[in-house]
Amino acid sequence: MSTIAFGHDIIIPDAGHIGPATTPLSIQIEADGTCALKKDTYWAGASSGLPYGSCYGNHIGWSQANAVQNTWYNISDADMADGSLNLFTHDGNGKLTATKAGTYLINYQICFEDDVVNDHIETGIEIDGSGSADNAGIGHSENKFASEEEHLSSTAILTLTAGQTIEIAIRTTDAGTPTITVQGLNITVVMVGG
């Protein structure tokens, strides 16, 4: 067994065993537990590395008629397709499920229409079908013309437990009952911490 002093480099050969190596991985571990990689790192093979997931719908026709003020509606459409999935699952309708607990960077982009002029629309990330979007990922838009395509995107860093789901929700915050239609939706999630 070897003893390694804190603050010193650990050299691991690129072949994964002790012996001569042409491109070693250099790691420095400090007394406080931090670890610094001094070379490039990557994961080889499926189901390895950081958990990530994505799904998209480029030509979906999701619609909510008579949307009630301040009520969140989940965008769920069978035309949503799997993107890249590693330690995430997709239900085929726009809901992603984490299989590992951690802190995740979540990004979404949405293309929608509202048939009422000057209507304020919000979009957000809903966790576990809670009926409410997390405040960290809410996007805002106010349309100037009825039934004209609007685009929103937002990003948030949220903590998920294993088995929790994320999906995108939309609402109007103004009085009235517009019809909101979503033509496109892309969601990307990647773990950034434990």
N, C-alpha and C. Protein backbone atom coordinates (compact mmCIF):
# COMPACT_ATOMS: atom_id res chain seq x y z
N MET A 1 0.84 -1.16 0.00
CA MET A 1 0.00 0.00 0.00
C MET A 1 0.89 1.24 0.00
N SER A 2 0.50 2.24 -0.76
CA SER A 2 1.27 3.48 -0.84
C SER A 2 0.59 4.57 -0.04
N THR A 3 1.39 5.49 0.47
CA THR A 3 0.86 6.66 1.17
C THR A 3 1.07 7.87 0.26
N ILE A 4 0.01 8.67 0.13
CA ILE A 4 0.08 9.86 -0.72
C ILE A 4 -0.17 11.08 0.14
N ALA A 5 0.73 12.04 0.09
CA ALA A 5 0.58 13.26 0.86
C ALA A 5 -0.40 14.20 0.15
N PHE A 6 -1.24 14.89 0.93
CA PHE A 6 -2.16 15.84 0.34
C PHE A 6 -1.40 16.95 -0.37
N GLY A 7 -1.98 17.46 -1.42
CA GLY A 7 -1.34 18.52 -2.18
C GLY A 7 -0.38 18.01 -3.23
N HIS A 8 -0.23 16.69 -3.35
CA HIS A 8 0.66 16.11 -4.33
C HIS A 8 -0.14 15.47 -5.46
N ASP A 9 0.47 15.35 -6.61
CA ASP A 9 -0.18 14.74 -7.77
C ASP A 9 -0.17 13.22 -7.67
N ILE A 10 -1.25 12.62 -8.15
CA ILE A 10 -1.33 11.17 -8.30
C ILE A 10 -1.33 10.90 -9.80
N ILE A 11 -0.43 10.12 -10.28
CA ILE A 11 -0.36 9.81 -11.71
C ILE A 11 -0.91 8.41 -11.93
N ILE A 12 -1.96 8.33 -12.77
CA ILE A 12 -2.58 7.05 -13.10
C ILE A 12 -2.35 6.80 -14.58
N PRO A 13 -1.72 5.72 -14.96
CA PRO A 13 -1.49 5.46 -16.38
C PRO A 13 -2.80 5.36 -17.15
N ASP A 14 -2.77 5.76 -18.43
CA ASP A 14 -3.99 5.77 -19.24
C ASP A 14 -4.51 4.38 -19.54
N ALA A 15 -3.70 3.35 -19.38
CA ALA A 15 -4.16 1.98 -19.66
C ALA A 15 -4.94 1.41 -18.49
N GLY A 16 -5.03 2.13 -17.36
CA GLY A 16 -5.81 1.67 -16.22
C GLY A 16 -5.06 0.72 -15.30
N HIS A 17 -3.76 0.58 -15.48
CA HIS A 17 -2.98 -0.28 -14.60
C HIS A 17 -1.64 0.40 -14.33
N ILE A 18 -0.96 -0.09 -13.33
CA ILE A 18 0.33 0.49 -12.99
C ILE A 18 1.37 -0.02 -13.97
N GLY A 19 2.12 0.90 -14.53
CA GLY A 19 3.13 0.53 -15.50
C GLY A 19 3.40 1.71 -16.42
N PRO A 20 4.21 1.52 -17.44
CA PRO A 20 4.52 2.62 -18.34
C PRO A 20 3.27 3.14 -19.05
N ALA A 21 3.17 4.44 -19.20
CA ALA A 21 2.04 5.06 -19.90
C ALA A 21 2.53 6.25 -20.69
N THR A 22 1.91 6.49 -21.82
CA THR A 22 2.31 7.62 -22.65
C THR A 22 1.55 8.88 -22.30
N THR A 23 0.29 8.76 -21.83
CA THR A 23 -0.52 9.92 -21.47
C THR A 23 -1.20 9.67 -20.14
N PRO A 24 -0.54 9.93 -19.03
CA PRO A 24 -1.16 9.66 -17.73
C PRO A 24 -2.23 10.69 -17.38
N LEU A 25 -3.17 10.27 -16.51
CA LEU A 25 -4.17 11.17 -15.95
C LEU A 25 -3.58 11.72 -14.66
N SER A 26 -3.53 13.02 -14.53
CA SER A 26 -2.95 13.64 -13.35
C SER A 26 -4.06 14.20 -12.48
N ILE A 27 -4.10 13.74 -11.21
CA ILE A 27 -5.12 14.17 -10.26
C ILE A 27 -4.42 14.71 -9.03
N GLN A 28 -4.89 15.85 -8.53
CA GLN A 28 -4.35 16.40 -7.28
C GLN A 28 -5.47 16.40 -6.25
N ILE A 29 -5.26 15.76 -5.10
CA ILE A 29 -6.25 15.70 -4.03
C ILE A 29 -5.73 16.54 -2.86
N GLU A 30 -6.60 17.45 -2.39
CA GLU A 30 -6.24 18.34 -1.29
C GLU A 30 -6.80 17.79 0.03
N ALA A 31 -6.29 18.31 1.15
CA ALA A 31 -6.72 17.87 2.47
C ALA A 31 -8.21 18.14 2.71
N ASP A 32 -8.76 19.17 2.06
CA ASP A 32 -10.18 19.49 2.26
C ASP A 32 -11.11 18.61 1.41
N GLY A 33 -10.54 17.67 0.67
CA GLY A 33 -11.35 16.75 -0.12
C GLY A 33 -11.54 17.16 -1.57
N THR A 34 -11.08 18.34 -1.95
CA THR A 34 -11.22 18.75 -3.34
C THR A 34 -10.25 17.95 -4.22
N CYS A 35 -10.65 17.77 -5.44
CA CYS A 35 -9.88 16.98 -6.39
C CYS A 35 -9.77 17.78 -7.68
N ALA A 36 -8.59 17.95 -8.19
CA ALA A 36 -8.38 18.70 -9.43
C ALA A 36 -7.83 17.76 -10.50
N LEU A 37 -8.52 17.67 -11.62
CA LEU A 37 -8.02 16.93 -12.77
C LEU A 37 -7.15 17.88 -13.59
N LYS A 38 -5.99 17.41 -14.00
CA LYS A 38 -5.07 18.27 -14.72
C LYS A 38 -4.95 17.91 -16.19
N LYS A 39 -5.78 16.98 -16.65
CA LYS A 39 -5.82 16.58 -18.06
C LYS A 39 -7.28 16.44 -18.46
N ASP A 40 -7.54 16.22 -19.74
CA ASP A 40 -8.90 15.98 -20.20
C ASP A 40 -9.45 14.69 -19.61
N THR A 41 -10.75 14.65 -19.41
CA THR A 41 -11.38 13.44 -18.92
C THR A 41 -12.64 13.17 -19.73
N TYR A 42 -13.00 11.91 -19.88
CA TYR A 42 -14.22 11.53 -20.60
C TYR A 42 -14.61 10.14 -20.18
N TRP A 43 -15.84 9.76 -20.52
CA TRP A 43 -16.33 8.42 -20.22
C TRP A 43 -16.52 7.66 -21.52
N ALA A 44 -16.17 6.40 -21.51
CA ALA A 44 -16.32 5.56 -22.70
C ALA A 44 -17.45 4.57 -22.45
N GLY A 45 -18.30 4.40 -23.45
CA GLY A 45 -19.37 3.41 -23.36
C GLY A 45 -20.68 3.97 -22.88
N ALA A 46 -21.75 3.25 -23.19
CA ALA A 46 -23.09 3.65 -22.77
C ALA A 46 -23.28 3.43 -21.28
N SER A 47 -24.22 4.16 -20.71
CA SER A 47 -24.56 4.06 -19.28
C SER A 47 -23.36 4.27 -18.39
N SER A 48 -22.50 5.18 -18.78
CA SER A 48 -21.38 5.55 -17.93
C SER A 48 -21.29 7.07 -17.91
N GLY A 49 -20.58 7.57 -16.97
CA GLY A 49 -20.43 9.01 -16.89
C GLY A 49 -21.60 9.67 -16.19
N LEU A 50 -21.75 10.97 -16.40
CA LEU A 50 -22.79 11.74 -15.75
C LEU A 50 -24.17 11.41 -16.31
N PRO A 51 -25.20 11.42 -15.47
CA PRO A 51 -26.56 11.26 -15.97
C PRO A 51 -26.96 12.48 -16.81
N TYR A 52 -27.63 12.23 -17.94
CA TYR A 52 -28.17 13.30 -18.76
C TYR A 52 -29.37 12.78 -19.52
N GLY A 53 -30.19 13.69 -19.97
CA GLY A 53 -31.36 13.29 -20.75
C GLY A 53 -31.87 14.45 -21.58
N SER A 54 -32.52 14.12 -22.68
CA SER A 54 -33.15 15.14 -23.50
C SER A 54 -34.32 14.53 -24.25
N CYS A 55 -35.28 15.37 -24.58
CA CYS A 55 -36.38 14.98 -25.44
C CYS A 55 -36.80 16.22 -26.22
N TYR A 56 -37.48 16.00 -27.33
CA TYR A 56 -37.85 17.13 -28.17
C TYR A 56 -39.11 16.82 -28.98
N GLY A 57 -39.79 17.88 -29.33
CA GLY A 57 -40.93 17.80 -30.24
C GLY A 57 -40.88 19.00 -31.15
N ASN A 58 -40.50 18.78 -32.40
CA ASN A 58 -40.33 19.89 -33.34
C ASN A 58 -41.63 20.30 -34.04
N HIS A 59 -42.59 19.39 -34.08
CA HIS A 59 -43.87 19.70 -34.75
C HIS A 59 -45.01 19.09 -33.94
N ILE A 60 -45.10 19.48 -32.67
CA ILE A 60 -46.19 18.96 -31.86
C ILE A 60 -47.40 19.88 -31.99
N GLY A 61 -48.53 19.41 -31.60
CA GLY A 61 -49.76 20.21 -31.70
C GLY A 61 -50.48 20.29 -30.38
N TRP A 62 -49.75 20.37 -29.27
CA TRP A 62 -50.38 20.44 -27.96
C TRP A 62 -51.15 21.75 -27.82
N SER A 63 -52.32 21.68 -27.23
CA SER A 63 -53.15 22.87 -27.10
C SER A 63 -53.95 22.82 -25.80
N GLN A 64 -54.14 23.99 -25.20
CA GLN A 64 -55.01 24.13 -24.03
C GLN A 64 -56.03 25.22 -24.33
N ALA A 65 -57.28 24.82 -24.57
CA ALA A 65 -58.36 25.78 -24.80
C ALA A 65 -58.84 26.33 -23.45
N ASN A 66 -59.30 27.55 -23.46
CA ASN A 66 -59.87 28.18 -22.26
C ASN A 66 -58.95 28.08 -21.05
N ALA A 67 -57.69 28.45 -21.25
CA ALA A 67 -56.71 28.40 -20.16
C ALA A 67 -57.13 29.34 -19.04
N VAL A 68 -57.14 28.82 -17.83
CA VAL A 68 -57.56 29.58 -16.66
C VAL A 68 -56.37 30.35 -16.09
N GLN A 69 -56.60 31.59 -15.71
CA GLN A 69 -55.56 32.45 -15.17
C GLN A 69 -54.82 31.77 -14.01
N ASN A 70 -53.49 31.83 -14.06
CA ASN A 70 -52.59 31.32 -13.01
C ASN A 70 -52.67 29.81 -12.78
N THR A 71 -53.15 29.07 -13.76
CA THR A 71 -53.19 27.61 -13.68
C THR A 71 -52.12 27.03 -14.59
N TRP A 72 -51.23 26.21 -14.02
CA TRP A 72 -50.17 25.59 -14.80
C TRP A 72 -50.71 24.38 -15.54
N TYR A 73 -50.34 24.25 -16.82
CA TYR A 73 -50.73 23.11 -17.65
C TYR A 73 -49.46 22.42 -18.13
N ASN A 74 -49.34 21.11 -17.86
CA ASN A 74 -48.19 20.34 -18.34
C ASN A 74 -48.30 20.13 -19.84
N ILE A 75 -47.19 20.31 -20.53
CA ILE A 75 -47.16 20.08 -21.97
C ILE A 75 -46.80 18.61 -22.18
N SER A 76 -47.79 17.83 -22.57
CA SER A 76 -47.62 16.39 -22.74
C SER A 76 -48.16 16.02 -24.11
N ASP A 77 -47.29 15.52 -24.98
CA ASP A 77 -47.69 15.23 -26.35
C ASP A 77 -46.98 13.98 -26.86
N ALA A 78 -47.73 13.09 -27.48
CA ALA A 78 -47.17 11.83 -27.97
C ALA A 78 -46.20 12.01 -29.13
N ASP A 79 -46.09 13.22 -29.68
CA ASP A 79 -45.12 13.48 -30.74
C ASP A 79 -43.74 13.86 -30.20
N MET A 80 -43.57 13.85 -28.88
CA MET A 80 -42.26 14.11 -28.30
C MET A 80 -41.38 12.89 -28.52
N ALA A 81 -40.13 13.12 -28.90
CA ALA A 81 -39.20 12.03 -29.21
C ALA A 81 -38.05 12.00 -28.20
N ASP A 82 -37.46 10.81 -28.03
CA ASP A 82 -36.26 10.69 -27.21
C ASP A 82 -35.12 11.45 -27.85
N GLY A 83 -34.35 12.14 -27.03
CA GLY A 83 -33.08 12.69 -27.46
C GLY A 83 -32.00 11.74 -26.98
N SER A 84 -30.98 12.28 -26.35
CA SER A 84 -29.93 11.46 -25.75
C SER A 84 -30.33 11.15 -24.31
N LEU A 85 -30.21 9.89 -23.94
CA LEU A 85 -30.59 9.46 -22.59
C LEU A 85 -29.48 8.62 -21.98
N ASN A 86 -29.01 9.02 -20.80
CA ASN A 86 -28.04 8.24 -20.04
C ASN A 86 -28.43 8.37 -18.57
N LEU A 87 -28.92 7.29 -17.99
CA LEU A 87 -29.40 7.27 -16.62
C LEU A 87 -30.60 8.20 -16.43
N PHE A 88 -31.34 8.44 -17.51
CA PHE A 88 -32.62 9.14 -17.52
C PHE A 88 -33.56 8.33 -18.39
N THR A 89 -34.85 8.43 -18.14
CA THR A 89 -35.84 7.82 -19.02
C THR A 89 -36.80 8.90 -19.50
N HIS A 90 -37.45 8.63 -20.64
CA HIS A 90 -38.43 9.54 -21.22
C HIS A 90 -39.71 8.75 -21.46
N ASP A 91 -40.85 9.30 -21.06
CA ASP A 91 -42.12 8.58 -21.19
C ASP A 91 -42.74 8.68 -22.59
N GLY A 92 -42.08 9.37 -23.52
CA GLY A 92 -42.60 9.52 -24.87
C GLY A 92 -43.57 10.67 -25.03
N ASN A 93 -43.81 11.42 -23.95
CA ASN A 93 -44.74 12.55 -23.97
C ASN A 93 -44.14 13.85 -23.44
N GLY A 94 -42.84 13.86 -23.14
CA GLY A 94 -42.20 15.08 -22.65
C GLY A 94 -41.86 15.07 -21.18
N LYS A 95 -41.96 13.91 -20.53
CA LYS A 95 -41.62 13.80 -19.11
C LYS A 95 -40.33 12.99 -18.98
N LEU A 96 -39.31 13.60 -18.36
CA LEU A 96 -38.03 12.93 -18.12
C LEU A 96 -37.95 12.51 -16.65
N THR A 97 -37.39 11.30 -16.40
CA THR A 97 -37.27 10.78 -15.05
C THR A 97 -35.80 10.52 -14.73
N ALA A 98 -35.34 11.08 -13.60
CA ALA A 98 -33.97 10.86 -13.14
C ALA A 98 -33.86 9.51 -12.46
N THR A 99 -32.81 8.76 -12.76
CA THR A 99 -32.58 7.50 -12.05
C THR A 99 -31.53 7.66 -10.96
N LYS A 100 -30.85 8.80 -10.93
CA LYS A 100 -29.83 9.08 -9.91
C LYS A 100 -30.12 10.42 -9.26
N ALA A 101 -29.97 10.48 -7.94
CA ALA A 101 -30.13 11.74 -7.22
C ALA A 101 -28.95 12.65 -7.51
N GLY A 102 -29.20 13.95 -7.54
CA GLY A 102 -28.11 14.90 -7.75
C GLY A 102 -28.63 16.28 -8.08
N THR A 103 -27.71 17.15 -8.39
CA THR A 103 -28.02 18.52 -8.80
C THR A 103 -27.89 18.58 -10.31
N TYR A 104 -28.92 19.11 -10.97
CA TYR A 104 -29.00 19.07 -12.43
C TYR A 104 -29.17 20.47 -13.03
N LEU A 105 -28.50 20.67 -14.16
CA LEU A 105 -28.72 21.85 -15.00
C LEU A 105 -29.82 21.48 -15.99
N ILE A 106 -30.91 22.23 -15.99
CA ILE A 106 -32.06 21.96 -16.84
C ILE A 106 -32.27 23.16 -17.76
N ASN A 107 -32.38 22.89 -19.05
CA ASN A 107 -32.61 23.93 -20.04
C ASN A 107 -33.79 23.51 -20.91
N TYR A 108 -34.64 24.47 -21.25
CA TYR A 108 -35.73 24.17 -22.18
C TYR A 108 -35.95 25.34 -23.13
N GLN A 109 -36.47 25.02 -24.30
CA GLN A 109 -36.85 26.00 -25.31
C GLN A 109 -38.24 25.64 -25.79
N ILE A 110 -39.09 26.64 -25.97
CA ILE A 110 -40.48 26.38 -26.34
C ILE A 110 -40.95 27.39 -27.39
N CYS A 111 -41.74 26.91 -28.34
CA CYS A 111 -42.36 27.75 -29.36
C CYS A 111 -43.87 27.60 -29.19
N PHE A 112 -44.59 28.70 -29.01
CA PHE A 112 -46.02 28.63 -28.70
C PHE A 112 -46.78 29.80 -29.33
N GLU A 113 -48.10 29.69 -29.32
CA GLU A 113 -48.99 30.76 -29.75
C GLU A 113 -50.07 30.97 -28.70
N ASP A 114 -50.57 32.21 -28.63
CA ASP A 114 -51.65 32.59 -27.73
C ASP A 114 -52.64 33.39 -28.58
N ASP A 115 -53.93 33.06 -28.53
CA ASP A 115 -54.89 33.73 -29.42
C ASP A 115 -55.45 35.03 -28.85
N VAL A 116 -54.89 35.54 -27.73
CA VAL A 116 -55.32 36.81 -27.13
C VAL A 116 -54.15 37.79 -27.19
N VAL A 117 -54.43 39.02 -27.61
CA VAL A 117 -53.40 40.06 -27.72
C VAL A 117 -52.99 40.55 -26.32
N ASN A 118 -51.69 40.86 -26.17
CA ASN A 118 -51.13 41.40 -24.93
C ASN A 118 -51.36 40.48 -23.72
N ASP A 119 -51.30 39.20 -23.94
CA ASP A 119 -51.48 38.23 -22.86
C ASP A 119 -50.10 37.86 -22.32
N HIS A 120 -49.98 37.84 -21.00
CA HIS A 120 -48.72 37.48 -20.36
C HIS A 120 -48.69 35.97 -20.16
N ILE A 121 -47.66 35.33 -20.70
CA ILE A 121 -47.49 33.88 -20.62
C ILE A 121 -46.24 33.57 -19.82
N GLU A 122 -46.32 32.54 -18.98
CA GLU A 122 -45.16 32.05 -18.25
C GLU A 122 -44.98 30.57 -18.56
N THR A 123 -43.72 30.14 -18.63
CA THR A 123 -43.38 28.73 -18.77
C THR A 123 -42.43 28.37 -17.63
N GLY A 124 -42.40 27.10 -17.27
CA GLY A 124 -41.52 26.71 -16.18
C GLY A 124 -41.31 25.21 -16.10
N ILE A 125 -40.44 24.82 -15.19
CA ILE A 125 -40.09 23.42 -14.96
C ILE A 125 -40.92 22.90 -13.80
N GLU A 126 -41.71 21.86 -14.06
CA GLU A 126 -42.54 21.26 -13.02
C GLU A 126 -41.92 19.94 -12.59
N ILE A 127 -41.78 19.76 -11.29
CA ILE A 127 -41.19 18.53 -10.75
C ILE A 127 -42.30 17.65 -10.17
N ASP A 128 -42.29 16.38 -10.56
CA ASP A 128 -43.22 15.38 -10.03
C ASP A 128 -44.69 15.75 -10.17
N GLY A 129 -45.06 16.42 -11.25
CA GLY A 129 -46.46 16.76 -11.49
C GLY A 129 -47.08 17.54 -10.35
N SER A 130 -46.31 18.45 -9.76
CA SER A 130 -46.72 19.18 -8.56
C SER A 130 -47.85 20.16 -8.79
N GLY A 131 -48.11 20.53 -10.06
CA GLY A 131 -49.13 21.53 -10.35
C GLY A 131 -48.60 22.95 -10.29
N SER A 132 -47.29 23.09 -10.08
CA SER A 132 -46.67 24.41 -10.00
C SER A 132 -45.24 24.32 -10.52
N ALA A 133 -44.83 25.33 -11.26
CA ALA A 133 -43.46 25.36 -11.78
C ALA A 133 -42.52 25.92 -10.73
N ASP A 134 -41.28 25.41 -10.72
CA ASP A 134 -40.25 25.92 -9.82
C ASP A 134 -39.90 27.35 -10.22
N ASN A 135 -39.79 28.24 -9.25
CA ASN A 135 -39.50 29.65 -9.54
C ASN A 135 -38.19 29.87 -10.26
N ALA A 136 -37.23 28.96 -10.10
CA ALA A 136 -35.90 29.14 -10.68
C ALA A 136 -35.89 29.09 -12.20
N GLY A 137 -36.85 28.42 -12.83
CA GLY A 137 -36.78 28.25 -14.28
C GLY A 137 -37.92 28.89 -15.05
N ILE A 138 -38.57 29.91 -14.47
CA ILE A 138 -39.73 30.51 -15.14
C ILE A 138 -39.28 31.50 -16.21
N GLY A 139 -39.89 31.37 -17.40
CA GLY A 139 -39.69 32.31 -18.49
C GLY A 139 -40.95 33.13 -18.70
N HIS A 140 -40.80 34.37 -19.17
CA HIS A 140 -41.93 35.29 -19.34
C HIS A 140 -42.01 35.80 -20.77
N SER A 141 -43.24 36.00 -21.26
CA SER A 141 -43.45 36.59 -22.58
C SER A 141 -44.80 37.29 -22.60
N GLU A 142 -44.87 38.38 -23.33
CA GLU A 142 -46.16 39.05 -23.56
C GLU A 142 -46.29 39.28 -25.05
N ASN A 143 -47.30 38.65 -25.64
CA ASN A 143 -47.45 38.74 -27.09
C ASN A 143 -48.06 40.07 -27.52
N LYS A 144 -47.64 40.58 -28.66
CA LYS A 144 -48.16 41.83 -29.21
C LYS A 144 -49.24 41.58 -30.25
N PHE A 145 -49.27 40.36 -30.78
CA PHE A 145 -50.25 40.00 -31.81
C PHE A 145 -50.87 38.66 -31.45
N ALA A 146 -52.13 38.49 -31.78
CA ALA A 146 -52.80 37.22 -31.52
C ALA A 146 -52.30 36.15 -32.47
N SER A 147 -52.15 34.94 -31.97
CA SER A 147 -51.80 33.75 -32.75
C SER A 147 -50.52 33.92 -33.57
N GLU A 148 -49.55 34.61 -32.99
CA GLU A 148 -48.24 34.71 -33.62
C GLU A 148 -47.24 33.91 -32.79
N GLU A 149 -46.34 33.19 -33.47
CA GLU A 149 -45.37 32.36 -32.75
C GLU A 149 -44.50 33.19 -31.84
N GLU A 150 -44.37 32.70 -30.61
CA GLU A 150 -43.49 33.29 -29.61
C GLU A 150 -42.48 32.22 -29.22
N HIS A 151 -41.32 32.66 -28.77
CA HIS A 151 -40.27 31.72 -28.35
C HIS A 151 -39.79 32.10 -26.95
N LEU A 152 -39.62 31.10 -26.12
CA LEU A 152 -39.08 31.29 -24.78
C LEU A 152 -38.05 30.21 -24.50
N SER A 153 -37.05 30.56 -23.72
CA SER A 153 -36.13 29.55 -23.21
C SER A 153 -35.73 29.96 -21.81
N SER A 154 -35.37 28.99 -21.00
CA SER A 154 -34.94 29.27 -19.64
C SER A 154 -34.04 28.14 -19.16
N THR A 155 -33.31 28.43 -18.10
CA THR A 155 -32.37 27.48 -17.52
C THR A 155 -32.47 27.57 -16.00
N ALA A 156 -32.33 26.44 -15.34
CA ALA A 156 -32.30 26.42 -13.87
C ALA A 156 -31.39 25.29 -13.40
N ILE A 157 -30.88 25.42 -12.20
CA ILE A 157 -30.15 24.35 -11.54
C ILE A 157 -31.02 23.90 -10.37
N LEU A 158 -31.46 22.63 -10.44
CA LEU A 158 -32.38 22.08 -9.44
C LEU A 158 -31.87 20.75 -8.92
N THR A 159 -32.21 20.43 -7.68
CA THR A 159 -31.83 19.16 -7.08
C THR A 159 -32.98 18.18 -7.25
N LEU A 160 -32.66 16.98 -7.76
CA LEU A 160 -33.64 15.92 -7.96
C LEU A 160 -33.24 14.69 -7.17
N THR A 161 -34.22 13.95 -6.69
CA THR A 161 -33.96 12.65 -6.09
C THR A 161 -34.20 11.59 -7.15
N ALA A 162 -33.70 10.39 -6.92
CA ALA A 162 -33.92 9.30 -7.87
C ALA A 162 -35.41 9.05 -8.00
N GLY A 163 -35.88 8.97 -9.25
CA GLY A 163 -37.29 8.73 -9.52
C GLY A 163 -38.11 9.98 -9.74
N GLN A 164 -37.56 11.15 -9.45
CA GLN A 164 -38.32 12.38 -9.68
C GLN A 164 -38.41 12.67 -11.17
N THR A 165 -39.51 13.31 -11.56
CA THR A 165 -39.75 13.64 -12.96
C THR A 165 -39.70 15.14 -13.16
N ILE A 166 -39.34 15.53 -14.39
CA ILE A 166 -39.45 16.93 -14.79
C ILE A 166 -40.22 16.99 -16.10
N GLU A 167 -41.02 18.02 -16.23
CA GLU A 167 -41.70 18.33 -17.47
C GLU A 167 -41.91 19.84 -17.51
N ILE A 168 -42.28 20.34 -18.66
CA ILE A 168 -42.45 21.78 -18.83
C ILE A 168 -43.93 22.12 -18.76
N ALA A 169 -44.24 23.21 -18.05
CA ALA A 169 -45.61 23.67 -17.88
C ALA A 169 -45.73 25.10 -18.41
N ILE A 170 -46.97 25.49 -18.72
CA ILE A 170 -47.24 26.82 -19.28
C ILE A 170 -48.52 27.36 -18.65
N ARG A 171 -48.62 28.69 -18.53
CA ARG A 171 -49.83 29.31 -18.00
C ARG A 171 -49.95 30.75 -18.48
N THR A 172 -51.15 31.29 -18.37
CA THR A 172 -51.37 32.72 -18.55
C THR A 172 -51.56 33.33 -17.17
N THR A 173 -51.04 34.53 -16.97
CA THR A 173 -51.23 35.20 -15.69
C THR A 173 -52.24 36.33 -15.80
N ASP A 174 -52.84 36.50 -16.98
CA ASP A 174 -53.84 37.55 -17.19
C ASP A 174 -55.25 36.97 -17.12
N ALA A 175 -56.22 37.85 -16.85
CA ALA A 175 -57.63 37.45 -16.86
C ALA A 175 -58.03 37.09 -18.29
N GLY A 176 -59.05 36.27 -18.43
CA GLY A 176 -59.48 35.80 -19.74
C GLY A 176 -59.16 34.33 -19.89
N THR A 177 -59.61 33.74 -20.97
CA THR A 177 -59.41 32.31 -21.19
C THR A 177 -58.88 32.06 -22.60
N PRO A 178 -57.60 32.34 -22.82
CA PRO A 178 -57.03 32.15 -24.16
C PRO A 178 -56.84 30.68 -24.49
N THR A 179 -56.65 30.42 -25.77
CA THR A 179 -56.19 29.11 -26.21
C THR A 179 -54.69 29.22 -26.43
N ILE A 180 -53.94 28.37 -25.75
CA ILE A 180 -52.48 28.36 -25.87
C ILE A 180 -52.10 27.10 -26.63
N THR A 181 -51.30 27.27 -27.68
CA THR A 181 -50.87 26.15 -28.51
C THR A 181 -49.35 26.09 -28.52
N VAL A 182 -48.80 24.90 -28.34
CA VAL A 182 -47.35 24.70 -28.37
C VAL A 182 -46.99 23.91 -29.62
N GLN A 183 -46.07 24.49 -30.43
CA GLN A 183 -45.62 23.82 -31.66
C GLN A 183 -44.29 23.12 -31.49
N GLY A 184 -43.47 23.58 -30.57
CA GLY A 184 -42.14 22.99 -30.40
C GLY A 184 -41.67 23.06 -28.96
N LEU A 185 -40.97 22.02 -28.52
CA LEU A 185 -40.45 21.97 -27.16
C LEU A 185 -39.20 21.10 -27.14
N ASN A 186 -38.14 21.61 -26.53
CA ASN A 186 -36.89 20.86 -26.34
C ASN A 186 -36.49 20.98 -24.88
N ILE A 187 -36.14 19.85 -24.26
CA ILE A 187 -35.72 19.82 -22.86
C ILE A 187 -34.38 19.08 -22.78
N THR A 188 -33.43 19.67 -22.05
CA THR A 188 -32.12 19.05 -21.84
C THR A 188 -31.78 19.11 -20.37
N VAL A 189 -31.29 18.00 -19.81
CA VAL A 189 -30.94 17.89 -18.40
C VAL A 189 -29.57 17.23 -18.29
N VAL A 190 -28.69 17.77 -17.45
CA VAL A 190 -27.40 17.11 -17.22
C VAL A 190 -26.99 17.32 -15.76
N MET A 191 -26.45 16.27 -15.13
CA MET A 191 -26.01 16.38 -13.74
C MET A 191 -24.76 17.27 -13.67
N VAL A 192 -24.78 18.19 -12.69
CA VAL A 192 -23.63 19.06 -12.49
C VAL A 192 -23.05 18.90 -11.09
N GLY A 193 -23.70 18.13 -10.24
CA GLY A 193 -23.19 17.92 -8.90
C GLY A 193 -23.96 16.83 -8.18
N GLY A 194 -23.45 16.43 -7.04
CA GLY A 194 -24.07 15.37 -6.25
C GLY A 194 -25.12 15.89 -5.31
